[in-house]
Structures are given as C-alpha cells and as structure tokens.
Amino acid sequence: MAIYDHQCQDPSCNFFWEDEYSIKADPPTECPKCHQQTAKRLISMTGKGVVELYGQDLVDKVKSDANSLKREMHNSEKVYSNLLGEAHYEKLQTQIDRQKRR
C-alpha cells in the first residue's frame, strides 16, 4: 500500500490530505471536507503540487524549453554533440576541418 497526496480543486475548499490505498485502486474523486467530486491525486517527489499542463500552456512550455535548448546548444559544444549524436557530430567536425584545409 502506498500513501498518496490529494487536494480538492475547488478554490473555496482547497483541502489537502493523504490517503493510503493500492496502486491498482482508482484515486478518490470526492473531497472528504466539502464532499464535492473535485479531488485530485497530486504528483510529487518531495514537494506538494499539481503538475498538469495541457492546451496552450503545454505548447508554450514546449516552445520555451526548445528555445532554451537551442540557446544552450549554440553556447556549449557538449550539448550540441549530445543533441546531434556523437557519430554525426564527429562527421560534421571532420567535414569542417577538411574545408578549413582547402
């Protein structure tokens, strides 16, 4: 049996509690405080919070992460080689070296 964190998603309640049940069991949907069907199981490692992105928020986060990775790629040779793959990176470097010798 595992212990899971839960929180009521109703802004007027926002009740937080822990519950113990099998991983195979469905998480509760009813808040024990306000008795509405607004309970959600939280995904957490060390902290408490709901991790949920969808729609435009997800699109914006992916675009932001992609832009950050592009900036990192251009500033770090290690990141660039990891993204390309070692064999492809070495092939490109060999081609660049040959062009410089001409």
Protein backbone atom coordinates (compact mmCIF):
# COMPACT_ATOMS: atom_id res chain seq x y z
CA MET A 1 0.00 0.00 0.00
CA ALA A 2 1.23 3.44 -0.92
CA ILE A 3 0.43 6.81 0.59
CA TYR A 4 -0.71 9.47 -1.86
CA ASP A 5 -1.24 13.21 -1.51
CA HIS A 6 -4.58 14.65 -2.63
CA GLN A 7 -6.05 18.10 -2.93
CA CYS A 8 -9.52 19.44 -3.56
CA GLN A 9 -9.53 21.51 -6.75
CA ASP A 10 -12.45 23.67 -5.63
CA PRO A 11 -10.90 27.11 -4.91
CA SER A 12 -13.24 27.72 -1.98
CA CYS A 13 -12.14 24.46 -0.29
CA ASN A 14 -8.58 23.63 -1.44
CA PHE A 15 -8.37 20.90 1.24
CA PHE A 16 -5.16 18.82 1.32
CA TRP A 17 -4.93 15.26 2.71
CA GLU A 18 -3.02 11.98 2.49
CA ASP A 19 -4.66 8.65 1.71
CA GLU A 20 -3.35 5.09 1.64
CA TYR A 21 -4.51 2.59 -0.97
CA SER A 22 -3.26 0.10 -3.55
CA ILE A 23 -1.62 1.37 -6.71
CA LYS A 24 -4.23 -0.62 -8.63
CA ALA A 25 -7.13 1.22 -6.96
CA ASP A 26 -8.65 4.31 -8.53
CA PRO A 27 -7.83 7.53 -6.69
CA PRO A 28 -10.68 9.15 -4.78
CA THR A 29 -12.60 11.90 -6.52
CA GLU A 30 -14.66 13.10 -3.54
CA CYS A 31 -13.19 15.65 -1.16
CA PRO A 32 -13.65 14.49 2.46
CA LYS A 33 -14.17 18.08 3.63
CA CYS A 34 -16.64 19.60 1.12
CA HIS A 35 -17.89 16.28 -0.37
CA GLN A 36 -17.67 17.57 -3.94
CA GLN A 37 -16.24 15.46 -6.78
CA THR A 38 -13.23 17.77 -7.16
CA ALA A 39 -10.41 15.76 -5.55
CA LYS A 40 -7.20 15.09 -7.48
CA ARG A 41 -4.21 12.93 -6.62
CA LEU A 42 -1.04 15.04 -6.63
CA ILE A 43 2.11 14.08 -8.44
CA SER A 44 5.05 14.93 -6.25
CA MET A 45 8.55 13.80 -5.41
CA THR A 46 9.49 15.97 -2.48
CA GLY A 47 7.06 18.86 -2.62
CA LYS A 48 3.35 19.23 -2.92
CA GLY A 49 1.60 20.49 -6.01
CA VAL A 50 -0.32 19.52 -9.08
CA VAL A 51 1.78 19.06 -12.20
CA GLU A 52 -0.57 19.40 -15.09
CA LEU A 53 -0.06 21.19 -18.38
CA TYR A 54 -2.38 20.98 -21.33
CA GLY A 55 -3.60 23.09 -24.21
CA GLN A 56 -1.80 26.38 -24.81
CA ASP A 57 0.14 26.13 -21.52
CA LEU A 58 1.74 22.89 -22.73
CA VAL A 59 2.50 24.38 -26.16
CA ASP A 60 4.08 27.47 -24.55
CA LYS A 61 6.20 25.33 -22.18
CA VAL A 62 7.45 23.10 -25.01
CA LYS A 63 8.34 26.13 -27.17
CA SER A 64 10.11 27.78 -24.24
CA ASP A 65 12.09 24.61 -23.48
CA ALA A 66 13.00 24.19 -27.17
CA ASN A 67 14.26 27.79 -27.38
CA SER A 68 16.31 27.34 -24.19
CA LEU A 69 17.82 24.15 -25.58
CA LYS A 70 18.70 25.90 -28.85
CA ARG A 71 20.50 28.66 -26.92
CA GLU A 72 22.36 26.07 -24.84
CA MET A 73 23.26 24.13 -27.99
CA HIS A 74 24.90 27.18 -29.56
CA ASN A 75 26.79 28.04 -26.37
CA SER A 76 28.01 24.57 -25.41
CA GLU A 77 29.84 22.12 -27.65
CA LYS A 78 28.92 19.26 -25.29
CA VAL A 79 25.19 19.98 -25.53
CA TYR A 80 25.48 20.33 -29.32
CA SER A 81 27.25 16.99 -29.68
CA ASN A 82 24.75 15.27 -27.37
CA LEU A 83 21.82 16.55 -29.40
CA LEU A 84 23.34 15.52 -32.74
CA GLY A 85 24.75 12.24 -31.59
CA GLU A 86 28.46 11.57 -31.28
CA ALA A 87 28.92 9.90 -34.69
CA HIS A 88 27.10 12.65 -36.59
CA TYR A 89 28.92 15.38 -34.65
CA GLU A 90 32.32 13.86 -35.44
CA LYS A 91 31.38 13.56 -39.12
CA LEU A 92 30.43 17.26 -39.23
CA GLN A 93 33.64 18.26 -37.45
CA THR A 94 35.70 16.23 -39.95
CA GLN A 95 33.95 17.99 -42.85
CA ILE A 96 34.59 21.40 -41.28
CA ASP A 97 38.27 20.55 -40.75
CA ARG A 98 38.63 19.45 -44.41
CA GLN A 99 37.06 22.70 -45.64
CA LYS A 100 39.44 24.75 -43.48
CA ARG A 101 42.47 22.98 -45.01
CA ARG A 102 41.48 23.99 -48.55
